[in-house]
N, C-alpha and C. Protein backbone atom coordinates (compact mmCIF):
# COMPACT_ATOMS: atom_id res chain seq x y z
N MET A 1 -12.57 -12.25 70.91
CA MET A 1 -12.05 -12.36 69.70
C MET A 1 -10.60 -12.87 69.60
N PRO A 2 -10.14 -13.86 68.90
CA PRO A 2 -8.90 -14.34 68.80
C PRO A 2 -7.86 -13.33 68.41
N ASP A 3 -6.53 -13.38 68.74
CA ASP A 3 -5.49 -12.59 68.42
C ASP A 3 -5.09 -12.88 67.05
N ALA A 4 -5.23 -12.00 66.15
CA ALA A 4 -4.78 -12.20 64.75
C ALA A 4 -3.44 -12.59 64.55
N ARG A 5 -2.43 -12.22 65.43
CA ARG A 5 -1.14 -12.52 65.26
C ARG A 5 -0.88 -13.93 65.66
N VAL A 6 -1.76 -14.49 66.57
CA VAL A 6 -1.64 -15.95 66.86
C VAL A 6 -2.21 -16.82 65.66
N ASP A 7 -3.37 -16.44 65.16
CA ASP A 7 -3.95 -17.11 63.92
C ASP A 7 -2.92 -17.05 62.82
N ALA A 8 -2.21 -15.91 62.60
CA ALA A 8 -1.26 -15.88 61.60
C ALA A 8 0.06 -16.69 61.81
N GLY A 9 0.28 -17.04 62.94
CA GLY A 9 1.56 -17.81 63.41
C GLY A 9 2.40 -16.71 64.02
N ARG A 10 3.00 -17.14 65.20
CA ARG A 10 3.87 -16.23 65.90
C ARG A 10 5.33 -16.16 65.29
N ARG A 11 5.93 -15.01 65.62
CA ARG A 11 7.33 -15.01 65.17
C ARG A 11 8.14 -15.44 66.42
N ALA A 12 9.43 -15.79 66.04
CA ALA A 12 10.35 -16.04 67.15
C ALA A 12 11.69 -15.70 66.77
N VAL A 13 12.61 -15.65 67.62
CA VAL A 13 13.99 -15.40 67.25
C VAL A 13 14.80 -16.58 67.88
N PHE A 14 15.55 -17.27 66.87
CA PHE A 14 16.46 -18.34 67.21
C PHE A 14 17.77 -17.79 67.25
N SER A 15 18.49 -17.81 68.40
CA SER A 15 19.80 -17.27 68.59
C SER A 15 20.79 -18.38 69.03
N THR A 16 21.88 -18.60 68.15
CA THR A 16 22.83 -19.41 68.61
C THR A 16 24.18 -18.55 68.56
N ALA A 17 24.11 -17.17 68.62
CA ALA A 17 25.32 -16.40 68.62
C ALA A 17 26.06 -16.63 69.95
N THR A 18 27.32 -16.64 69.79
CA THR A 18 28.27 -16.64 70.96
C THR A 18 29.33 -15.67 70.71
N GLY A 19 30.32 -15.62 71.50
CA GLY A 19 31.36 -14.58 71.19
C GLY A 19 31.89 -14.02 72.52
N PRO A 20 32.69 -13.01 72.39
CA PRO A 20 33.45 -12.45 73.48
C PRO A 20 32.51 -12.00 74.61
N SER A 21 31.38 -11.49 74.27
CA SER A 21 30.39 -10.92 75.13
C SER A 21 29.69 -12.09 76.07
N TRP A 22 29.86 -13.40 75.48
CA TRP A 22 29.19 -14.48 76.20
C TRP A 22 30.26 -15.48 76.72
N LYS A 23 31.45 -15.49 76.26
CA LYS A 23 32.38 -16.68 76.73
C LYS A 23 32.84 -16.41 78.07
N THR A 24 32.94 -17.47 78.84
CA THR A 24 33.58 -17.47 80.22
C THR A 24 34.97 -17.62 80.04
N ARG A 25 35.71 -17.19 81.21
CA ARG A 25 37.22 -17.23 81.26
C ARG A 25 37.61 -18.77 81.33
N ASP A 26 36.80 -19.60 81.93
CA ASP A 26 37.24 -20.93 82.14
C ASP A 26 36.78 -21.99 81.20
N SER A 27 36.34 -21.46 79.99
CA SER A 27 35.84 -22.52 78.80
C SER A 27 34.54 -23.18 79.41
N CYS A 28 33.73 -22.56 80.09
CA CYS A 28 32.54 -23.05 80.43
C CYS A 28 32.64 -24.49 81.06
N THR A 29 33.41 -24.64 82.04
CA THR A 29 33.64 -25.84 82.72
C THR A 29 32.35 -26.52 83.34
N THR A 30 31.47 -25.65 83.60
CA THR A 30 30.20 -26.16 84.23
C THR A 30 29.05 -25.41 83.53
N PRO A 31 28.00 -26.09 83.15
CA PRO A 31 26.85 -25.51 82.53
C PRO A 31 26.29 -24.22 83.30
N ALA A 32 26.10 -24.47 84.59
CA ALA A 32 25.61 -23.29 85.43
C ALA A 32 26.49 -22.04 85.29
N ARG A 33 27.70 -22.23 85.44
CA ARG A 33 28.65 -21.18 85.37
C ARG A 33 28.64 -20.46 83.94
N SER A 34 28.43 -21.21 82.97
CA SER A 34 28.29 -20.67 81.71
C SER A 34 26.99 -19.68 81.56
N VAL A 35 25.91 -20.28 81.99
CA VAL A 35 24.64 -19.50 81.96
C VAL A 35 24.80 -18.13 82.72
N CYS A 36 25.33 -18.32 83.98
CA CYS A 36 25.47 -17.11 84.76
C CYS A 36 26.23 -16.10 84.12
N SER A 37 27.39 -16.48 83.67
CA SER A 37 28.37 -15.49 83.02
C SER A 37 27.70 -14.96 81.81
N ARG A 38 27.00 -15.85 80.96
CA ARG A 38 26.42 -15.15 79.76
C ARG A 38 25.48 -14.28 80.10
N LEU A 39 24.61 -14.43 81.02
CA LEU A 39 23.53 -13.38 81.39
C LEU A 39 24.16 -12.13 81.75
N ARG A 40 25.19 -12.14 82.65
CA ARG A 40 25.76 -11.03 83.15
C ARG A 40 26.47 -10.23 82.11
N ARG A 41 26.99 -10.84 81.12
CA ARG A 41 27.78 -10.34 80.13
C ARG A 41 27.05 -10.01 78.81
N SER A 42 25.91 -10.38 78.73
CA SER A 42 25.16 -10.23 77.43
C SER A 42 25.14 -8.76 77.07
N ASP A 43 25.24 -8.40 75.82
CA ASP A 43 25.05 -7.02 75.44
C ASP A 43 23.78 -6.68 74.72
N SER A 44 22.76 -7.54 74.97
CA SER A 44 21.43 -7.23 74.35
C SER A 44 20.43 -7.67 75.09
N PRO A 45 19.08 -7.19 74.88
CA PRO A 45 17.91 -7.67 75.50
C PRO A 45 17.72 -9.09 74.96
N VAL A 46 17.28 -9.85 75.97
CA VAL A 46 17.16 -11.37 75.69
C VAL A 46 15.95 -11.65 74.89
N GLU A 47 14.86 -10.89 75.08
CA GLU A 47 13.51 -11.15 74.41
C GLU A 47 13.06 -9.82 73.83
N PRO A 48 13.21 -9.60 72.47
CA PRO A 48 12.50 -8.46 71.90
C PRO A 48 11.07 -8.51 72.05
N SER A 49 10.54 -7.41 72.27
CA SER A 49 9.14 -7.26 72.59
C SER A 49 8.32 -8.05 71.42
N GLY A 50 7.40 -8.83 71.95
CA GLY A 50 6.44 -9.72 71.08
C GLY A 50 6.88 -10.74 70.50
N LEU A 51 8.13 -11.15 70.74
CA LEU A 51 8.71 -12.38 70.05
C LEU A 51 8.95 -13.56 71.05
N ALA A 52 8.81 -14.66 70.51
CA ALA A 52 9.10 -15.91 71.27
C ALA A 52 10.65 -15.93 71.39
N GLY A 53 11.08 -16.65 72.43
CA GLY A 53 12.57 -16.61 72.70
C GLY A 53 13.09 -18.01 72.64
N ASP A 54 14.22 -18.34 72.15
CA ASP A 54 14.78 -19.58 72.10
C ASP A 54 16.29 -19.36 72.62
N HIS A 55 16.89 -20.38 73.29
CA HIS A 55 18.17 -20.24 73.71
C HIS A 55 18.80 -21.63 73.67
N ARG A 56 19.96 -21.62 73.21
CA ARG A 56 20.87 -22.91 73.15
C ARG A 56 22.20 -22.62 73.86
N LEU A 57 22.41 -23.78 74.63
CA LEU A 57 23.74 -23.66 75.36
C LEU A 57 24.56 -24.89 75.13
N GLN A 58 25.30 -24.78 73.99
CA GLN A 58 26.22 -25.78 73.67
C GLN A 58 25.92 -27.22 74.01
N PRO A 59 24.81 -27.87 73.72
CA PRO A 59 24.47 -29.17 74.14
C PRO A 59 25.28 -30.24 73.52
N VAL A 60 26.23 -29.82 72.59
CA VAL A 60 27.09 -30.79 72.01
C VAL A 60 27.92 -31.35 73.13
N ARG A 61 28.11 -30.62 74.13
CA ARG A 61 28.90 -31.14 75.43
C ARG A 61 28.27 -32.35 76.02
N ILE A 62 27.07 -32.58 75.77
CA ILE A 62 26.35 -33.89 76.23
C ILE A 62 26.95 -34.96 75.47
N ALA A 63 26.98 -34.82 74.10
CA ALA A 63 27.47 -35.92 73.26
C ALA A 63 28.93 -36.22 73.65
N ARG A 64 29.63 -35.29 74.09
CA ARG A 64 31.11 -35.44 74.30
C ARG A 64 31.23 -36.06 75.78
N GLY A 65 30.10 -36.15 76.55
CA GLY A 65 30.20 -36.63 77.99
C GLY A 65 30.62 -35.71 78.84
N LEU A 66 30.71 -34.35 78.58
CA LEU A 66 31.09 -33.39 79.58
C LEU A 66 30.02 -33.14 80.67
N TYR A 67 28.81 -33.24 80.25
CA TYR A 67 27.80 -33.23 81.14
C TYR A 67 26.47 -34.07 80.55
N ASP A 68 25.51 -34.20 81.33
CA ASP A 68 24.23 -35.03 80.87
C ASP A 68 23.05 -34.19 80.70
N ALA A 69 22.13 -34.88 80.03
CA ALA A 69 20.73 -34.19 79.82
C ALA A 69 20.17 -33.48 81.05
N ALA A 70 20.39 -34.21 82.28
CA ALA A 70 19.93 -33.68 83.47
C ALA A 70 20.52 -32.39 83.83
N ALA A 71 21.71 -32.28 83.75
CA ALA A 71 22.57 -31.01 83.91
C ALA A 71 22.06 -29.94 83.06
N TYR A 72 21.84 -30.21 81.76
CA TYR A 72 21.26 -29.34 80.85
C TYR A 72 19.85 -28.71 81.19
N GLY A 73 19.13 -29.69 81.72
CA GLY A 73 17.71 -29.37 82.31
C GLY A 73 17.86 -28.43 83.43
N ALA A 74 18.86 -28.62 84.22
CA ALA A 74 19.17 -27.87 85.48
C ALA A 74 19.46 -26.39 85.05
N VAL A 75 20.23 -26.30 83.88
CA VAL A 75 20.74 -25.07 83.42
C VAL A 75 19.51 -24.32 82.89
N GLN A 76 18.61 -25.04 82.17
CA GLN A 76 17.49 -24.27 81.51
C GLN A 76 16.49 -23.85 82.63
N ARG A 77 16.33 -24.48 83.73
CA ARG A 77 15.50 -24.07 84.88
C ARG A 77 16.11 -22.85 85.47
N ARG A 78 17.36 -22.90 85.72
CA ARG A 78 18.15 -21.68 86.33
C ARG A 78 17.96 -20.48 85.34
N LEU A 79 18.17 -20.67 84.14
CA LEU A 79 18.06 -19.63 83.10
C LEU A 79 16.67 -19.06 83.13
N VAL A 80 15.56 -19.82 83.22
CA VAL A 80 14.17 -19.27 83.28
C VAL A 80 14.15 -18.42 84.52
N GLU A 81 14.74 -18.87 85.74
CA GLU A 81 14.61 -18.12 86.86
C GLU A 81 15.38 -16.70 86.70
N LEU A 82 16.46 -16.71 86.17
CA LEU A 82 17.36 -15.47 85.97
C LEU A 82 16.61 -14.62 85.00
N LEU A 83 15.95 -15.13 84.00
CA LEU A 83 15.18 -14.26 83.05
C LEU A 83 14.09 -13.63 83.74
N ALA A 84 13.20 -14.55 84.48
CA ALA A 84 12.09 -14.00 85.03
C ALA A 84 12.32 -12.83 85.99
N ALA A 85 13.57 -12.92 86.66
CA ALA A 85 13.89 -11.76 87.48
C ALA A 85 14.05 -10.43 86.76
N HIS A 86 14.13 -10.58 85.45
CA HIS A 86 14.25 -9.38 84.57
C HIS A 86 13.10 -9.10 83.81
N GLY A 87 11.98 -9.82 84.03
CA GLY A 87 10.84 -9.71 83.18
C GLY A 87 10.76 -10.37 81.81
N ALA A 88 11.69 -11.17 81.61
CA ALA A 88 11.88 -11.82 80.34
C ALA A 88 11.60 -13.44 80.48
N GLY A 89 11.67 -14.14 79.49
CA GLY A 89 11.49 -15.57 79.65
C GLY A 89 11.82 -16.19 78.23
N LEU A 90 11.59 -17.59 78.33
CA LEU A 90 11.79 -18.51 77.16
C LEU A 90 10.50 -19.06 76.92
N ASP A 91 10.18 -19.29 75.66
CA ASP A 91 8.96 -20.03 75.28
C ASP A 91 9.34 -21.50 75.10
N GLY A 92 10.57 -21.82 74.87
CA GLY A 92 11.05 -23.12 74.74
C GLY A 92 12.60 -23.31 74.68
N ALA A 93 12.96 -24.46 74.86
CA ALA A 93 14.48 -24.73 74.81
C ALA A 93 14.54 -26.03 74.12
N TYR A 94 15.22 -26.05 73.07
CA TYR A 94 15.44 -27.26 72.26
C TYR A 94 16.80 -27.52 71.97
N PHE A 95 17.24 -28.71 72.05
CA PHE A 95 18.71 -29.00 71.92
C PHE A 95 19.00 -30.40 71.17
N CYS A 96 20.06 -30.39 70.50
CA CYS A 96 20.60 -31.54 69.84
C CYS A 96 21.66 -32.08 70.70
N PRO A 97 21.48 -33.37 71.23
CA PRO A 97 22.60 -34.02 71.99
C PRO A 97 23.57 -34.68 71.25
N HIS A 98 23.47 -34.52 69.92
CA HIS A 98 24.38 -35.46 69.04
C HIS A 98 25.62 -34.60 68.52
N HIS A 99 26.61 -35.39 68.12
CA HIS A 99 27.84 -34.83 67.55
C HIS A 99 28.21 -35.80 66.42
N PRO A 100 28.43 -35.38 65.23
CA PRO A 100 28.78 -36.34 64.02
C PRO A 100 29.94 -37.27 64.45
N GLU A 101 30.88 -36.72 65.27
CA GLU A 101 32.15 -37.70 65.59
C GLU A 101 31.71 -38.68 66.55
N PHE A 102 30.70 -38.45 67.41
CA PHE A 102 30.43 -39.35 68.49
C PHE A 102 29.16 -40.15 68.18
N THR A 103 28.08 -39.58 67.64
CA THR A 103 26.86 -40.20 67.60
C THR A 103 26.33 -40.45 66.12
N GLY A 104 27.07 -39.85 65.13
CA GLY A 104 26.69 -39.96 63.75
C GLY A 104 25.86 -38.71 63.29
N PRO A 105 25.35 -38.71 62.09
CA PRO A 105 24.50 -37.49 61.66
C PRO A 105 23.20 -37.49 62.12
N CYS A 106 22.61 -36.50 62.22
CA CYS A 106 21.18 -36.28 62.54
C CYS A 106 20.55 -35.22 61.95
N GLU A 107 19.15 -34.95 62.01
CA GLU A 107 18.33 -33.98 61.45
C GLU A 107 18.15 -32.81 62.43
N CYS A 108 18.64 -32.95 63.68
CA CYS A 108 18.41 -31.91 64.58
C CYS A 108 19.67 -30.94 64.73
N ARG A 109 20.93 -31.41 64.35
CA ARG A 109 22.02 -30.58 64.53
C ARG A 109 22.07 -29.52 63.43
N LYS A 110 22.40 -28.28 63.91
CA LYS A 110 22.33 -27.16 62.90
C LYS A 110 23.30 -27.45 61.72
N PRO A 111 22.96 -27.27 60.52
CA PRO A 111 21.78 -26.44 60.20
C PRO A 111 20.63 -27.28 59.74
N GLY A 112 20.40 -28.33 60.52
CA GLY A 112 19.27 -29.24 60.37
C GLY A 112 18.00 -28.43 60.81
N LEU A 113 16.87 -28.94 60.24
CA LEU A 113 15.69 -28.11 60.59
C LEU A 113 14.62 -28.87 61.62
N LEU A 114 15.03 -30.03 61.91
CA LEU A 114 14.05 -30.75 62.95
C LEU A 114 13.71 -29.97 64.18
N LEU A 115 14.60 -29.48 64.88
CA LEU A 115 14.30 -28.55 66.01
C LEU A 115 13.42 -27.42 65.75
N PHE A 116 13.77 -26.77 64.80
CA PHE A 116 12.87 -25.57 64.34
C PHE A 116 11.51 -25.96 63.98
N ARG A 117 11.30 -27.09 63.25
CA ARG A 117 10.03 -27.58 62.96
C ARG A 117 9.33 -27.98 64.21
N GLU A 118 9.87 -28.63 65.20
CA GLU A 118 9.32 -29.05 66.50
C GLU A 118 8.81 -27.78 67.21
N ALA A 119 9.71 -26.83 67.24
CA ALA A 119 9.49 -25.56 67.95
C ALA A 119 8.17 -24.77 67.38
N ALA A 120 8.13 -24.88 66.04
CA ALA A 120 6.99 -24.46 65.32
C ALA A 120 5.75 -25.01 65.66
N ALA A 121 5.75 -26.25 65.68
CA ALA A 121 4.53 -27.06 66.00
C ALA A 121 4.15 -26.78 67.37
N ALA A 122 5.07 -26.85 68.28
CA ALA A 122 4.66 -26.76 69.79
C ALA A 122 4.27 -25.34 70.04
N LEU A 123 4.84 -24.37 69.46
CA LEU A 123 4.62 -22.91 69.84
C LEU A 123 3.67 -22.23 68.90
N GLY A 124 3.26 -22.77 67.84
CA GLY A 124 2.37 -22.10 66.90
C GLY A 124 3.21 -21.07 66.08
N LEU A 125 4.46 -21.24 65.66
CA LEU A 125 5.32 -20.43 65.00
C LEU A 125 5.07 -20.53 63.61
N GLU A 126 5.15 -19.36 62.81
CA GLU A 126 5.25 -19.34 61.42
C GLU A 126 6.63 -19.05 61.02
N LEU A 127 7.34 -20.07 60.64
CA LEU A 127 8.84 -20.01 60.49
C LEU A 127 9.32 -19.10 59.43
N ALA A 128 8.59 -18.71 58.50
CA ALA A 128 8.87 -17.58 57.51
C ALA A 128 8.79 -16.28 58.20
N ARG A 129 8.12 -16.19 59.27
CA ARG A 129 8.20 -14.90 60.00
C ARG A 129 9.29 -14.88 60.97
N CYS A 130 10.12 -15.83 61.32
CA CYS A 130 11.07 -15.92 62.40
C CYS A 130 12.37 -15.31 61.95
N VAL A 131 13.31 -15.12 62.83
CA VAL A 131 14.61 -14.60 62.65
C VAL A 131 15.55 -15.52 63.30
N TRP A 132 16.62 -15.78 62.51
CA TRP A 132 17.87 -16.54 63.05
C TRP A 132 19.11 -15.71 63.15
N VAL A 133 19.63 -15.65 64.44
CA VAL A 133 20.75 -14.84 64.77
C VAL A 133 21.97 -15.72 65.19
N GLY A 134 23.12 -15.58 64.52
CA GLY A 134 24.19 -16.37 64.91
C GLY A 134 25.52 -15.69 64.44
N ASP A 135 26.51 -16.33 64.72
CA ASP A 135 27.98 -15.95 64.43
C ASP A 135 28.58 -16.83 63.27
N ARG A 136 27.95 -17.83 62.82
CA ARG A 136 28.36 -18.66 61.79
C ARG A 136 27.33 -18.78 60.72
N ARG A 137 27.80 -19.12 59.53
CA ARG A 137 26.66 -19.28 58.40
C ARG A 137 25.84 -20.37 58.77
N SER A 138 26.27 -21.54 59.49
CA SER A 138 25.35 -22.58 59.70
C SER A 138 24.28 -22.20 60.78
N ASP A 139 24.57 -21.15 61.62
CA ASP A 139 23.54 -20.58 62.57
C ASP A 139 22.23 -19.98 61.74
N VAL A 140 22.60 -19.30 60.64
CA VAL A 140 21.58 -18.60 59.93
C VAL A 140 21.15 -19.22 58.68
N GLU A 141 21.68 -20.33 58.37
CA GLU A 141 21.21 -21.12 56.98
C GLU A 141 19.73 -21.57 57.19
N PRO A 142 19.32 -22.04 58.38
CA PRO A 142 17.94 -22.36 58.41
C PRO A 142 16.91 -21.20 57.93
N ALA A 143 17.28 -20.02 58.10
CA ALA A 143 16.39 -18.83 57.63
C ALA A 143 16.16 -19.05 56.16
N ARG A 144 17.26 -19.37 55.33
CA ARG A 144 17.28 -19.40 53.94
C ARG A 144 16.27 -20.61 53.60
N ARG A 145 16.56 -21.68 54.30
CA ARG A 145 15.80 -22.92 53.89
C ARG A 145 14.39 -22.92 54.21
N LEU A 146 14.01 -22.03 55.33
CA LEU A 146 12.61 -22.00 55.84
C LEU A 146 11.95 -20.69 55.54
N GLY A 147 12.66 -19.76 54.73
CA GLY A 147 11.98 -18.58 54.47
C GLY A 147 11.94 -17.53 55.42
N GLY A 148 12.77 -17.69 56.47
CA GLY A 148 12.72 -16.60 57.43
C GLY A 148 13.88 -15.54 57.19
N ARG A 149 14.19 -14.89 58.25
CA ARG A 149 15.06 -13.65 58.12
C ARG A 149 16.39 -14.13 58.93
N ALA A 150 17.53 -13.62 58.43
CA ALA A 150 18.79 -14.03 59.05
C ALA A 150 19.66 -12.87 59.35
N LEU A 151 20.36 -12.85 60.57
CA LEU A 151 21.24 -11.72 60.83
C LEU A 151 22.55 -12.43 61.41
N LEU A 152 23.60 -12.09 60.82
CA LEU A 152 24.83 -12.64 61.33
C LEU A 152 25.52 -11.66 62.17
N VAL A 153 25.90 -11.89 63.42
CA VAL A 153 26.61 -10.99 64.26
C VAL A 153 28.09 -11.15 64.04
N GLU A 154 28.92 -10.06 64.22
CA GLU A 154 30.37 -9.96 64.00
C GLU A 154 31.12 -10.51 65.33
N THR A 155 30.55 -10.68 66.35
CA THR A 155 31.18 -11.17 67.53
C THR A 155 31.52 -12.56 67.43
N GLY A 156 32.17 -13.10 68.29
CA GLY A 156 32.60 -14.65 68.36
C GLY A 156 33.24 -14.77 66.93
N SER A 157 32.79 -15.78 66.29
CA SER A 157 33.35 -16.29 65.04
C SER A 157 32.91 -15.43 63.78
N GLY A 158 31.87 -14.49 64.11
CA GLY A 158 31.19 -13.77 63.01
C GLY A 158 32.04 -13.02 61.94
N ALA A 159 33.05 -12.31 62.60
CA ALA A 159 33.94 -11.58 61.68
C ALA A 159 34.53 -12.47 60.46
N ALA A 160 34.88 -13.74 60.81
CA ALA A 160 35.36 -14.64 59.83
C ALA A 160 34.39 -15.03 58.77
N HIS A 161 33.16 -14.93 59.08
CA HIS A 161 32.08 -15.27 58.23
C HIS A 161 31.25 -14.10 57.54
N ALA A 162 31.59 -12.90 57.90
CA ALA A 162 30.92 -11.79 57.45
C ALA A 162 30.96 -11.55 56.00
N GLY A 163 32.13 -11.62 55.31
CA GLY A 163 32.15 -11.45 53.88
C GLY A 163 31.34 -12.34 53.19
N LYS A 164 31.36 -13.60 53.44
CA LYS A 164 30.57 -14.72 52.74
C LYS A 164 29.02 -14.46 53.00
N ALA A 165 28.69 -14.12 54.26
CA ALA A 165 27.38 -13.79 54.66
C ALA A 165 26.87 -12.65 53.68
N ARG A 166 27.64 -11.63 53.64
CA ARG A 166 27.15 -10.39 52.88
C ARG A 166 27.06 -10.82 51.36
N ALA A 167 27.85 -11.60 50.83
CA ALA A 167 27.81 -12.21 49.36
C ALA A 167 26.49 -12.91 49.24
N LEU A 168 26.04 -13.63 50.28
CA LEU A 168 24.81 -14.38 50.12
C LEU A 168 23.58 -13.47 50.47
N GLY A 169 23.85 -12.32 50.84
CA GLY A 169 22.64 -11.33 51.00
C GLY A 169 22.11 -11.40 52.43
N VAL A 170 23.01 -11.94 53.39
CA VAL A 170 22.69 -11.92 54.81
C VAL A 170 23.25 -10.75 55.54
N PRO A 171 22.31 -9.91 56.15
CA PRO A 171 22.76 -8.77 56.84
C PRO A 171 23.70 -9.04 57.97
N VAL A 172 24.75 -8.26 58.11
CA VAL A 172 25.76 -8.52 59.16
C VAL A 172 25.62 -7.18 60.15
N VAL A 173 25.42 -7.56 61.34
CA VAL A 173 25.47 -6.54 62.46
C VAL A 173 26.57 -6.69 63.44
N ALA A 174 26.81 -5.69 64.32
CA ALA A 174 28.01 -5.55 65.17
C ALA A 174 27.82 -6.64 66.23
N GLY A 175 26.74 -6.83 66.76
CA GLY A 175 26.61 -7.77 67.92
C GLY A 175 25.10 -7.98 68.32
N LEU A 176 24.94 -8.70 69.38
CA LEU A 176 23.63 -9.15 69.77
C LEU A 176 22.70 -7.86 70.01
N ALA A 177 23.25 -6.81 70.62
CA ALA A 177 22.42 -5.53 70.84
C ALA A 177 21.91 -5.03 69.53
N ALA A 178 22.86 -4.96 68.53
CA ALA A 178 22.49 -4.44 67.23
C ALA A 178 21.47 -5.32 66.50
N ALA A 179 21.56 -6.70 66.77
CA ALA A 179 20.67 -7.67 66.10
C ALA A 179 19.30 -7.40 66.75
N ALA A 180 19.30 -7.28 68.14
CA ALA A 180 18.03 -7.07 68.77
C ALA A 180 17.25 -5.89 68.15
N ALA A 181 18.03 -4.67 68.09
CA ALA A 181 17.51 -3.38 67.68
C ALA A 181 16.91 -3.69 66.26
N GLU A 182 17.79 -4.36 65.32
CA GLU A 182 17.35 -4.59 63.94
C GLU A 182 16.10 -5.35 63.88
N ILE A 183 15.89 -6.36 64.70
CA ILE A 183 14.84 -7.17 64.76
C ILE A 183 13.50 -6.40 65.11
N VAL A 184 13.60 -5.63 66.27
CA VAL A 184 12.53 -4.70 66.67
C VAL A 184 12.20 -3.77 65.55
N ARG A 185 13.24 -3.11 65.06
CA ARG A 185 12.99 -2.11 64.04
C ARG A 185 12.44 -2.64 62.68
N GLY A 186 12.90 -3.78 62.30
CA GLY A 186 12.38 -4.55 61.09
C GLY A 186 11.04 -5.16 61.13
N GLY A 187 10.47 -5.33 62.21
CA GLY A 187 9.20 -5.90 62.32
C GLY A 187 9.13 -7.41 62.06
C-alpha cells in the first residue's frame, strides 16, 4: 500500500538562515571551510524528523567569481558526507548562481519561486505544506506566495527584520534550534 504522506505530497524545510551561530571568523574565504564551520557551530538539528532538507551556501559568490559551480558541488558532496555521519541528509541542493549586479534579474534568486518549484517537482513536495526559515523577509516571502509556513529567526539579520515580520503575521523565533522545535511541534 502506498504511503499516504507521499500521495498527499511531502513537506520540506527550506532554510536560508545565517547568523552568528553559522558565520566563520574569516568571512567564508573558502566554501569548504564555511560548511565545516557551519556544521560545527549550528545550534539546531539539521533535518527535523519526517521532513525533506534543503541547504543553501551563499552561491551568489559564484556570480561574483569568488568560486565556481564545481567548488559549490564539492561543498555539497562534503556536506552530504558530514550529515551522513550524524544520521541526517539532504534530499536536494538548489542554488541560484546569479546576482542582479553581475548577471541581471532572474526567477531563481530569492524571493523568486523557480528553485522551490523545481524542488517540488523533483521531490514530490506539496509547497503549501512546506516551511521557510530565514533571517530576512526575502527568505520567508516564498511561504506567503506559495501558501506555506514561514519562521523568521532573530539570529543574523533577523533582529532587524523581526518587527516587520511580526506585523505581517510571520512568527519570530530565537534561532535555528527554536525554529526546528517549532516545526516539529507545529506538524
